[in-house]
Amino acid sequence: MEKLNAETIKVIDEIVARHKGKQGPVKLMLHDVQSKCGYIPFEAMLKIADACGVSVASVYGVVTFYSQFTTQPKGKHVINICMGTACYVKGAQQLMETLCEECDCKINETSKDGLFSIDATRCLGACGLAPVAIVDGKVHGNLTDPDTMRQLIRAIKVSE
């Protein structure tokens, strides 16, 4: 388990204190911790469990159930590739391979330079635009030509 710095611990403590005693506080706290820290460290799960009077296993269960939560720090640019049926049939696997090559990163990991995180996800609800990627929250559809993804990644690299 990584050791958190004092500033991160303070942020987590403030979030827990703000939501303690409210209805459904676990998910609210988790959202806020991830928003502020970029991920949910185990220490935050311990504090949330204690504040809410539930087990750490219960909090961990929420974190691992919902795909929007992560226990690992993400890169500056988060890319989700839909691997649902419609996207897969229209070339999502090739899109993923191109992306991993261009970012020098594996699926569900973060690049060594910390610039990109690539996540394979299930249906993103945009089947009519298949194959689909979400880059930093923006939907990109009809990515049947791998060069389109290459150009997008290269543009991000240039802007950095």
Protein backbone atom coordinates (compact mmCIF):
# COMPACT_ATOMS: atom_id res chain seq x y z
CA MET A 1 0.00 0.00 0.00
CA GLU A 2 1.38 3.38 -0.97
CA LYS A 3 1.98 6.07 1.64
CA LEU A 4 -0.17 9.15 1.07
CA ASN A 5 1.18 12.63 1.65
CA ALA A 6 -0.28 14.90 4.34
CA GLU A 7 -2.11 17.08 1.81
CA THR A 8 -3.94 14.10 0.29
CA ILE A 9 -4.88 12.81 3.75
CA LYS A 10 -6.24 16.26 4.64
CA VAL A 11 -8.35 16.32 1.45
CA ILE A 12 -9.76 12.86 2.23
CA ASP A 13 -10.52 13.86 5.85
CA GLU A 14 -12.37 16.99 4.68
CA ILE A 15 -14.48 14.98 2.22
CA VAL A 16 -15.36 12.38 4.84
CA ALA A 17 -16.30 15.07 7.38
CA ARG A 18 -18.47 16.92 4.84
CA HIS A 19 -20.56 13.85 3.96
CA LYS A 20 -20.65 12.05 7.30
CA GLY A 21 -24.21 11.54 8.50
CA LYS A 22 -25.81 12.17 5.09
CA GLN A 23 -27.89 9.60 3.23
CA GLY A 24 -25.85 7.40 0.89
CA PRO A 25 -22.53 8.91 1.93
CA VAL A 26 -20.23 6.12 0.72
CA LYS A 27 -20.74 6.79 -2.99
CA LEU A 28 -20.72 10.56 -2.47
CA MET A 29 -17.42 10.34 -0.61
CA LEU A 30 -15.92 8.03 -3.21
CA HIS A 31 -16.88 10.40 -6.04
CA ASP A 32 -15.35 13.35 -4.22
CA VAL A 33 -12.15 11.51 -3.32
CA GLN A 34 -11.66 10.38 -6.90
CA SER A 35 -12.42 13.87 -8.18
CA LYS A 36 -9.81 15.44 -5.88
CA CYS A 37 -7.15 12.68 -5.89
CA GLY A 38 -7.65 11.22 -9.37
CA TYR A 39 -8.24 7.76 -7.91
CA ILE A 40 -9.38 6.12 -4.65
CA PRO A 41 -6.48 5.10 -2.42
CA PHE A 42 -7.02 2.26 0.05
CA GLU A 43 -6.49 4.65 2.96
CA ALA A 44 -9.53 6.64 1.76
CA MET A 45 -11.60 3.45 1.78
CA LEU A 46 -10.54 2.84 5.40
CA LYS A 47 -11.59 6.35 6.45
CA ILE A 48 -14.89 6.17 4.57
CA ALA A 49 -15.72 2.77 6.09
CA ASP A 50 -14.98 4.05 9.58
CA ALA A 51 -17.03 7.24 9.11
CA CYS A 52 -20.02 5.35 7.71
CA GLY A 53 -19.92 2.44 10.13
CA VAL A 54 -19.51 -0.16 7.39
CA SER A 55 -16.77 -2.65 6.64
CA VAL A 56 -13.84 -1.83 4.38
CA ALA A 57 -14.92 -4.82 2.28
CA SER A 58 -18.28 -3.12 1.73
CA VAL A 59 -16.63 0.11 0.55
CA TYR A 60 -14.18 -1.85 -1.61
CA GLY A 61 -17.15 -3.71 -3.10
CA VAL A 62 -18.68 -0.40 -4.19
CA VAL A 63 -15.36 0.77 -5.66
CA THR A 64 -14.86 -2.41 -7.67
CA PHE A 65 -18.51 -2.72 -8.75
CA TYR A 66 -18.75 0.69 -10.46
CA SER A 67 -16.47 1.06 -13.49
CA GLN A 68 -16.09 4.81 -13.01
CA PHE A 69 -14.06 4.24 -9.83
CA THR A 70 -10.39 3.36 -9.96
CA THR A 71 -7.88 2.35 -7.31
CA GLN A 72 -4.90 3.31 -9.48
CA PRO A 73 -3.76 6.81 -10.49
CA LYS A 74 -4.72 7.62 -14.08
CA GLY A 75 -2.75 9.43 -16.76
CA LYS A 76 -3.34 13.04 -17.66
CA HIS A 77 -5.45 11.90 -20.64
CA VAL A 78 -7.89 9.04 -20.08
CA ILE A 79 -9.02 7.08 -23.12
CA ASN A 80 -11.87 4.57 -22.97
CA ILE A 81 -12.34 2.23 -25.92
CA CYS A 82 -15.69 0.50 -26.16
CA MET A 83 -15.29 -3.24 -26.62
CA GLY A 84 -19.03 -3.93 -26.72
CA THR A 85 -20.44 -6.08 -29.50
CA ALA A 86 -21.21 -3.35 -32.05
CA CYS A 87 -17.83 -1.66 -31.57
CA TYR A 88 -15.93 -4.94 -31.54
CA VAL A 89 -17.54 -6.09 -34.79
CA LYS A 90 -16.66 -2.77 -36.44
CA GLY A 91 -12.97 -2.86 -35.48
CA ALA A 92 -12.53 -1.86 -31.84
CA GLN A 93 -9.79 -4.47 -31.34
CA GLN A 94 -7.68 -2.95 -34.14
CA LEU A 95 -8.41 0.50 -32.73
CA MET A 96 -7.21 -0.65 -29.31
CA GLU A 97 -4.01 -2.14 -30.75
CA THR A 98 -3.27 1.10 -32.62
CA LEU A 99 -3.89 3.12 -29.48
CA CYS A 100 -1.63 0.93 -27.32
CA GLU A 101 1.13 1.17 -29.91
CA GLU A 102 0.81 4.94 -30.29
CA CYS A 103 0.74 5.58 -26.53
CA ASP A 104 3.31 2.89 -25.68
CA CYS A 105 0.92 1.53 -23.09
CA LYS A 106 -0.98 -1.66 -22.34
CA ILE A 107 -4.75 -2.01 -21.95
CA ASN A 108 -6.07 -0.88 -18.56
CA GLU A 109 -2.73 0.68 -17.68
CA THR A 110 -1.07 4.08 -17.70
CA SER A 111 1.82 5.01 -19.98
CA LYS A 112 5.25 5.33 -18.35
CA ASP A 113 5.28 9.08 -18.98
CA GLY A 114 1.94 9.39 -17.15
CA LEU A 115 0.34 11.04 -20.15
CA PHE A 116 -2.21 8.37 -21.16
CA SER A 117 -4.43 5.79 -19.48
CA ILE A 118 -6.12 3.33 -21.79
CA ASP A 119 -9.18 1.49 -20.54
CA ALA A 120 -11.20 -1.17 -22.32
CA THR A 121 -14.85 -0.71 -21.41
CA ARG A 122 -18.12 -2.35 -22.26
CA CYS A 123 -20.97 -0.61 -24.04
CA LEU A 124 -20.74 3.17 -23.91
CA GLY A 125 -24.25 3.57 -25.30
CA ALA A 126 -23.18 4.98 -28.67
CA CYS A 127 -23.55 1.84 -30.80
CA GLY A 128 -24.67 3.83 -33.85
CA LEU A 129 -21.23 5.51 -33.87
CA ALA A 130 -19.24 2.26 -33.54
CA PRO A 131 -16.38 1.90 -32.98
CA VAL A 132 -16.28 4.52 -30.23
CA ALA A 133 -13.62 6.02 -27.97
CA ILE A 134 -14.03 8.53 -25.20
CA VAL A 135 -10.97 10.75 -24.89
CA ASP A 136 -10.93 13.03 -21.85
CA GLY A 137 -14.72 12.82 -21.64
CA LYS A 138 -15.35 13.61 -25.32
CA VAL A 139 -16.97 10.96 -27.54
CA HIS A 140 -15.23 10.12 -30.83
CA GLY A 141 -17.20 7.84 -33.13
CA ASN A 142 -16.87 6.01 -36.42
CA LEU A 143 -13.19 5.31 -35.74
CA THR A 144 -12.90 2.64 -38.42
CA ASP A 145 -9.64 4.12 -39.77
CA PRO A 146 -6.79 3.61 -37.24
CA ASP A 147 -5.06 6.73 -38.61
CA THR A 148 -7.82 8.86 -37.10
CA MET A 149 -6.82 7.65 -33.63
CA ARG A 150 -3.12 8.09 -34.42
CA GLN A 151 -3.74 11.70 -35.44
CA LEU A 152 -5.75 12.36 -32.27
CA ILE A 153 -3.01 10.95 -30.03
CA ARG A 154 -0.26 12.81 -31.89
CA ALA A 155 -2.21 16.06 -31.55
CA ILE A 156 -2.43 15.51 -27.78
CA LYS A 157 1.31 14.79 -27.59
CA VAL A 158 2.11 17.98 -29.54
CA SER A 159 -0.11 20.04 -27.25
CA GLU A 160 1.80 18.73 -24.24
